[in-house]
C-alpha atoms as a PDB file:
ATOM      1  CA  MET A   1       0.000   0.000   0.000  1.00  0.00           C
ATOM      2  CA  SER A   2       1.281   3.441  -0.823  1.00  0.00           C
ATOM      3  CA  THR A   3       2.209   6.066   1.730  1.00  0.00           C
ATOM      4  CA  THR A   4      -0.395   8.418   0.242  1.00  0.00           C
ATOM      5  CA  THR A   5      -3.088   5.835   0.981  1.00  0.00           C
ATOM      6  CA  GLN A   6      -1.786   5.203   4.487  1.00  0.00           C
ATOM      7  CA  ALA A   7      -1.402   8.823   5.591  1.00  0.00           C
ATOM      8  CA  PRO A   8      -5.138   9.674   5.953  1.00  0.00           C
ATOM      9  CA  LEU A   9      -5.805   6.399   7.776  1.00  0.00           C
ATOM     10  CA  GLU A  10      -2.864   6.978  10.080  1.00  0.00           C
ATOM     11  CA  GLN A  11      -4.252  10.417  10.944  1.00  0.00           C
ATOM     12  CA  VAL A  12      -7.633   8.872  11.786  1.00  0.00           C
ATOM     13  CA  VAL A  13      -5.945   6.277  14.020  1.00  0.00           C
ATOM     14  CA  LEU A  14      -3.870   8.947  15.749  1.00  0.00           C
ATOM     15  CA  GLY A  15      -6.969  11.095  16.251  1.00  0.00           C
ATOM     16  CA  ALA A  16      -8.823   8.154  17.784  1.00  0.00           C
ATOM     17  CA  LEU A  17      -5.876   7.479  20.078  1.00  0.00           C
ATOM     18  CA  ALA A  18      -5.761  11.142  21.089  1.00  0.00           C
ATOM     19  CA  SER A  19      -9.414  10.935  22.100  1.00  0.00           C
ATOM     20  CA  VAL A  20      -8.739   8.082  24.547  1.00  0.00           C
ATOM     21  CA  ALA A  21      -5.219   9.062  25.639  1.00  0.00           C
ATOM     22  CA  PRO A  22      -5.075  12.867  25.409  1.00  0.00           C
ATOM     23  CA  GLU A  23      -1.898  13.026  27.503  1.00  0.00           C
ATOM     24  CA  ALA A  24       0.013  10.700  25.167  1.00  0.00           C
ATOM     25  CA  ASP A  25       2.918  11.863  23.024  1.00  0.00           C
ATOM     26  CA  LEU A  26       1.635  10.370  19.780  1.00  0.00           C
ATOM     27  CA  ALA A  27       4.590  11.710  17.805  1.00  0.00           C
ATOM     28  CA  ALA A  28       6.833   9.368  19.791  1.00  0.00           C
ATOM     29  CA  LEU A  29       4.863   6.212  18.947  1.00  0.00           C
ATOM     30  CA  ASP A  30       6.804   3.297  17.531  1.00  0.00           C
ATOM     31  CA  ARG A  31       4.772   2.003  14.574  1.00  0.00           C
ATOM     32  CA  ASN A  32       5.533  -1.629  15.421  1.00  0.00           C
ATOM     33  CA  VAL A  33       5.136  -1.757  19.215  1.00  0.00           C
ATOM     34  CA  PRO A  34       1.700  -2.584  20.663  1.00  0.00           C
ATOM     35  CA  LEU A  35      -0.358   0.534  21.310  1.00  0.00           C
ATOM     36  CA  ARG A  36      -1.718  -0.789  24.594  1.00  0.00           C
ATOM     37  CA  GLU A  37       1.843  -1.214  25.836  1.00  0.00           C
ATOM     38  CA  GLN A  38       3.084   2.176  24.638  1.00  0.00           C
ATOM     39  CA  LEU A  39       0.077   4.174  25.816  1.00  0.00           C
ATOM     40  CA  ASP A  40      -0.859   2.089  28.862  1.00  0.00           C
ATOM     41  CA  LEU A  41      -4.380   1.536  27.511  1.00  0.00           C
ATOM     42  CA  ASP A  42      -6.705  -0.658  29.529  1.00  0.00           C
ATOM     43  CA  SER A  43      -9.488  -2.701  27.936  1.00  0.00           C
ATOM     44  CA  MET A  44     -12.037   0.143  28.176  1.00  0.00           C
ATOM     45  CA  ASP A  45      -9.581   2.595  26.606  1.00  0.00           C
ATOM     46  CA  PHE A  46      -8.994   0.154  23.763  1.00  0.00           C
ATOM     47  CA  LEU A  47     -12.729  -0.362  23.252  1.00  0.00           C
ATOM     48  CA  ASN A  48     -13.215   3.423  23.167  1.00  0.00           C
ATOM     49  CA  PHE A  49     -10.414   3.600  20.581  1.00  0.00           C
ATOM     50  CA  VAL A  50     -12.215   1.029  18.397  1.00  0.00           C
ATOM     51  CA  ILE A  51     -15.455   3.009  18.754  1.00  0.00           C
ATOM     52  CA  ALA A  52     -13.671   6.236  17.758  1.00  0.00           C
ATOM     53  CA  VAL A  53     -12.256   4.548  14.647  1.00  0.00           C
ATOM     54  CA  HIS A  54     -15.731   3.231  13.825  1.00  0.00           C
ATOM     55  CA  ARG A  55     -17.241   6.701  14.125  1.00  0.00           C
ATOM     56  CA  ALA A  56     -14.503   8.332  12.067  1.00  0.00           C
ATOM     57  CA  LEU A  57     -14.486   5.830   9.209  1.00  0.00           C
ATOM     58  CA  GLY A  58     -17.819   4.065   9.420  1.00  0.00           C
ATOM     59  CA  VAL A  59     -16.131   0.665   9.681  1.00  0.00           C
ATOM     60  CA  ASP A  60     -17.163  -2.251  11.818  1.00  0.00           C
ATOM     61  CA  VAL A  61     -14.297  -4.029  13.549  1.00  0.00           C
ATOM     62  CA  PRO A  62     -15.459  -7.360  14.950  1.00  0.00           C
ATOM     63  CA  GLU A  63     -14.051  -8.346  18.314  1.00  0.00           C
ATOM     64  CA  ARG A  64     -12.239 -11.281  16.715  1.00  0.00           C
ATOM     65  CA  ASP A  65     -10.167  -8.737  14.734  1.00  0.00           C
ATOM     66  CA  TYR A  66      -9.124  -6.532  17.667  1.00  0.00           C
ATOM     67  CA  ALA A  67      -5.663  -8.129  17.643  1.00  0.00           C
ATOM     68  CA  LYS A  68      -5.190  -6.710  14.146  1.00  0.00           C
ATOM     69  CA  LEU A  69      -5.292  -3.238  15.720  1.00  0.00           C
ATOM     70  CA  ALA A  70      -2.372  -3.968  18.029  1.00  0.00           C
ATOM     71  CA  THR A  71       0.178  -1.570  16.524  1.00  0.00           C
ATOM     72  CA  LEU A  72      -0.065   1.643  14.539  1.00  0.00           C
ATOM     73  CA  GLU A  73       1.268  -0.190  11.482  1.00  0.00           C
ATOM     74  CA  SER A  74      -1.180  -3.089  11.799  1.00  0.00           C
ATOM     75  CA  CYS A  75      -4.097  -0.690  12.370  1.00  0.00           C
ATOM     76  CA  VAL A  76      -3.429   1.166   9.145  1.00  0.00           C
ATOM     77  CA  GLU A  77      -2.940  -2.048   7.161  1.00  0.00           C
ATOM     78  CA  TYR A  78      -6.100  -3.642   8.565  1.00  0.00           C
ATOM     79  CA  LEU A  79      -8.269  -0.558   8.109  1.00  0.00           C
ATOM     80  CA  ALA A  80      -7.062  -0.069   4.533  1.00  0.00           C
ATOM     81  CA  GLY A  81      -8.623  -3.413   3.650  1.00  0.00           C
ATOM     82  CA  LEU A  82     -12.057  -2.683   5.097  1.00  0.00           C
ATOM     83  CA  PRO A  83     -14.981  -1.128   3.222  1.00  0.00           C
ATOM     84  CA  ARG A  84     -15.747   2.308   4.678  1.00  0.00           C
ATOM     85  CA  THR A  85     -18.910   4.373   4.708  1.00  0.00           C
ATOM     86  CA  LYS A  86     -16.896   7.555   5.313  1.00  0.00           C
ATOM     87  CA  PRO A  87     -13.671   8.714   3.637  1.00  0.00           C
ATOM     88  CA  ALA A  88     -10.413   8.638   5.596  1.00  0.00           C
END
């Protein structure tokens, strides 16, 4: 996938993370380290993150796919493959 395709999705993911972890330094995120580990997200924070992504993009992420949202990189890759009702 091209960087131009990934950039809008990455911004949506970062915005969703900012909504659940406003104190986090998102610029310092490692793209390949689990988000829950880096941002100290508990299960409710993570669920709120998934809901924020859903609202922003109009995508449904089934619970069985939550592991695919583990890192910033995997989030963008997973979301790029889903049909959306809203543009990134």
